[in-house]
PDB file of N, CA and C in Angstrom:
ATOM      1  N   MET A   1      -2.949 115.155  87.297  1.00  0.00           N
ATOM      2  CA  MET A   1      -4.010 115.634  86.392  1.00  0.00           C
ATOM      3  C   MET A   1      -4.540 114.478  85.532  1.00  0.00           C
ATOM      4  N   TRP A   2      -5.838 114.509  85.290  1.00  0.00           N
ATOM      5  CA  TRP A   2      -6.468 113.470  84.467  1.00  0.00           C
ATOM      6  C   TRP A   2      -6.362 113.801  82.981  1.00  0.00           C
ATOM      7  N   GLN A   3      -6.041 115.069  82.687  1.00  0.00           N
ATOM      8  CA  GLN A   3      -6.036 115.534  81.296  1.00  0.00           C
ATOM      9  C   GLN A   3      -4.957 114.846  80.450  1.00  0.00           C
ATOM     10  N   GLY A   4      -3.824 114.567  81.066  1.00  0.00           N
ATOM     11  CA  GLY A   4      -2.728 113.927  80.334  1.00  0.00           C
ATOM     12  C   GLY A   4      -3.151 112.602  79.698  1.00  0.00           C
ATOM     13  N   PRO A   5      -3.551 111.614  80.527  1.00  0.00           N
ATOM     14  CA  PRO A   5      -3.986 110.313  80.004  1.00  0.00           C
ATOM     15  C   PRO A   5      -5.144 110.436  79.022  1.00  0.00           C
ATOM     16  N   LEU A   6      -6.062 111.353  79.289  1.00  0.00           N
ATOM     17  CA  LEU A   6      -7.226 111.526  78.414  1.00  0.00           C
ATOM     18  C   LEU A   6      -6.782 111.980  77.025  1.00  0.00           C
ATOM     19  N   MET A   7      -5.874 112.946  76.989  1.00  0.00           N
ATOM     20  CA  MET A   7      -5.381 113.463  75.712  1.00  0.00           C
ATOM     21  C   MET A   7      -4.688 112.346  74.929  1.00  0.00           C
ATOM     22  N   LYS A   8      -3.935 111.523  75.651  1.00  0.00           N
ATOM     23  CA  LYS A   8      -3.223 110.413  75.022  1.00  0.00           C
ATOM     24  C   LYS A   8      -4.225 109.419  74.435  1.00  0.00           C
ATOM     25  N   LYS A   9      -5.301 109.180  75.190  1.00  0.00           N
ATOM     26  CA  LYS A   9      -6.329 108.250  74.730  1.00  0.00           C
ATOM     27  C   LYS A   9      -7.015 108.784  73.477  1.00  0.00           C
ATOM     28  N   MET A  10      -7.322 110.073  73.494  1.00  0.00           N
ATOM     29  CA  MET A  10      -7.979 110.695  72.341  1.00  0.00           C
ATOM     30  C   MET A  10      -7.076 110.602  71.111  1.00  0.00           C
ATOM     31  N   GLU A  11      -5.789 110.819  71.334  1.00  0.00           N
ATOM     32  CA  GLU A  11      -4.824 110.766  70.235  1.00  0.00           C
ATOM     33  C   GLU A  11      -4.780 109.363  69.638  1.00  0.00           C
ATOM     34  N   GLU A  12      -4.800 108.353  70.525  1.00  0.00           N
ATOM     35  CA  GLU A  12      -4.788 106.962  70.067  1.00  0.00           C
ATOM     36  C   GLU A  12      -6.028 106.662  69.242  1.00  0.00           C
ATOM     37  N   TRP A  13      -7.177 107.175  69.722  1.00  0.00           N
ATOM     38  CA  TRP A  13      -8.442 106.949  69.018  1.00  0.00           C
ATOM     39  C   TRP A  13      -8.426 107.616  67.651  1.00  0.00           C
ATOM     40  N   CYS A  14      -7.894 108.837  67.591  1.00  0.00           N
ATOM     41  CA  CYS A  14      -7.835 109.564  66.309  1.00  0.00           C
ATOM     42  C   CYS A  14      -6.979 108.792  65.306  1.00  0.00           C
ATOM     43  N   LEU A  15      -5.854 108.267  65.776  1.00  0.00           N
ATOM     44  CA  LEU A  15      -4.977 107.500  64.898  1.00  0.00           C
ATOM     45  C   LEU A  15      -5.672 106.222  64.440  1.00  0.00           C
ATOM     46  N   PHE A  16      -6.370 105.568  65.383  1.00  0.00           N
ATOM     47  CA  PHE A  16      -7.080 104.322  65.090  1.00  0.00           C
ATOM     48  C   PHE A  16      -8.185 104.551  64.070  1.00  0.00           C
ATOM     49  N   LEU A  17      -9.004 105.586  64.320  1.00  0.00           N
ATOM     50  CA  LEU A  17     -10.109 105.901  63.410  1.00  0.00           C
ATOM     51  C   LEU A  17      -9.589 106.344  62.048  1.00  0.00           C
ATOM     52  N   GLY A  18      -8.535 107.134  62.053  1.00  0.00           N
ATOM     53  CA  GLY A  18      -7.947 107.603  60.807  1.00  0.00           C
ATOM     54  C   GLY A  18      -7.448 106.425  59.972  1.00  0.00           C
ATOM     55  N   ASP A  19      -6.851 105.454  60.639  1.00  0.00           N
ATOM     56  CA  ASP A  19      -6.347 104.277  59.950  1.00  0.00           C
ATOM     57  C   ASP A  19      -7.500 103.489  59.331  1.00  0.00           C
ATOM     58  N   LYS A  20      -8.610 103.366  60.099  1.00  0.00           N
ATOM     59  CA  LYS A  20      -9.785 102.639  59.615  1.00  0.00           C
ATOM     60  C   LYS A  20     -10.390 103.352  58.409  1.00  0.00           C
ATOM     61  N   LEU A  21     -10.505 104.681  58.514  1.00  0.00           N
ATOM     62  CA  LEU A  21     -11.069 105.459  57.406  1.00  0.00           C
ATOM     63  C   LEU A  21     -10.211 105.305  56.156  1.00  0.00           C
ATOM     64  N   HIS A  22      -8.909 105.348  56.342  1.00  0.00           N
ATOM     65  CA  HIS A  22      -7.980 105.214  55.227  1.00  0.00           C
ATOM     66  C   HIS A  22      -8.167 103.856  54.543  1.00  0.00           C
ATOM     67  N   SER A  23      -8.334 102.801  55.348  1.00  0.00           N
ATOM     68  CA  SER A  23      -8.529 101.459  54.809  1.00  0.00           C
ATOM     69  C   SER A  23      -9.810 101.399  53.985  1.00  0.00           C
ATOM     70  N   LEU A  24     -10.883 102.006  54.513  1.00  0.00           N
ATOM     71  CA  LEU A  24     -12.165 102.016  53.809  1.00  0.00           C
ATOM     72  C   LEU A  24     -12.048 102.744  52.477  1.00  0.00           C
ATOM     73  N   LEU A  25     -11.355 103.879  52.486  1.00  0.00           N
ATOM     74  CA  LEU A  25     -11.187 104.657  51.258  1.00  0.00           C
ATOM     75  C   LEU A  25     -10.390 103.874  50.215  1.00  0.00           C
ATOM     76  N   MET A  26      -9.357 103.186  50.655  1.00  0.00           N
ATOM     77  CA  MET A  26      -8.529 102.410  49.736  1.00  0.00           C
ATOM     78  C   MET A  26      -9.354 101.295  49.099  1.00  0.00           C
ATOM     79  N   ILE A  27     -10.224 100.661  49.891  1.00  0.00           N
ATOM     80  CA  ILE A  27     -11.079  99.582  49.391  1.00  0.00           C
ATOM     81  C   ILE A  27     -12.052 100.126  48.345  1.00  0.00           C
ATOM     82  N   LYS A  28     -12.615 101.298  48.620  1.00  0.00           N
ATOM     83  CA  LYS A  28     -13.587 101.897  47.695  1.00  0.00           C
ATOM     84  C   LYS A  28     -12.950 102.242  46.353  1.00  0.00           C
ATOM     85  N   GLN A  29     -11.699 102.669  46.376  1.00  0.00           N
ATOM     86  CA  GLN A  29     -11.024 103.103  45.149  1.00  0.00           C
ATOM     87  C   GLN A  29     -10.733 101.938  44.204  1.00  0.00           C
ATOM     88  N   GLU A  30     -10.598 100.738  44.736  1.00  0.00           N
ATOM     89  CA  GLU A  30     -10.249  99.586  43.898  1.00  0.00           C
ATOM     90  C   GLU A  30     -11.377  99.219  42.944  1.00  0.00           C
TER      91      GLU A  30
END
């Protein structure tokens, strides 16, 4: 099934984007 790898990729992207958003928010608060 192709769904397995795709879900894993989406999860990686969510973590990556979430980390980036968190960094941006921390910068704004300073």
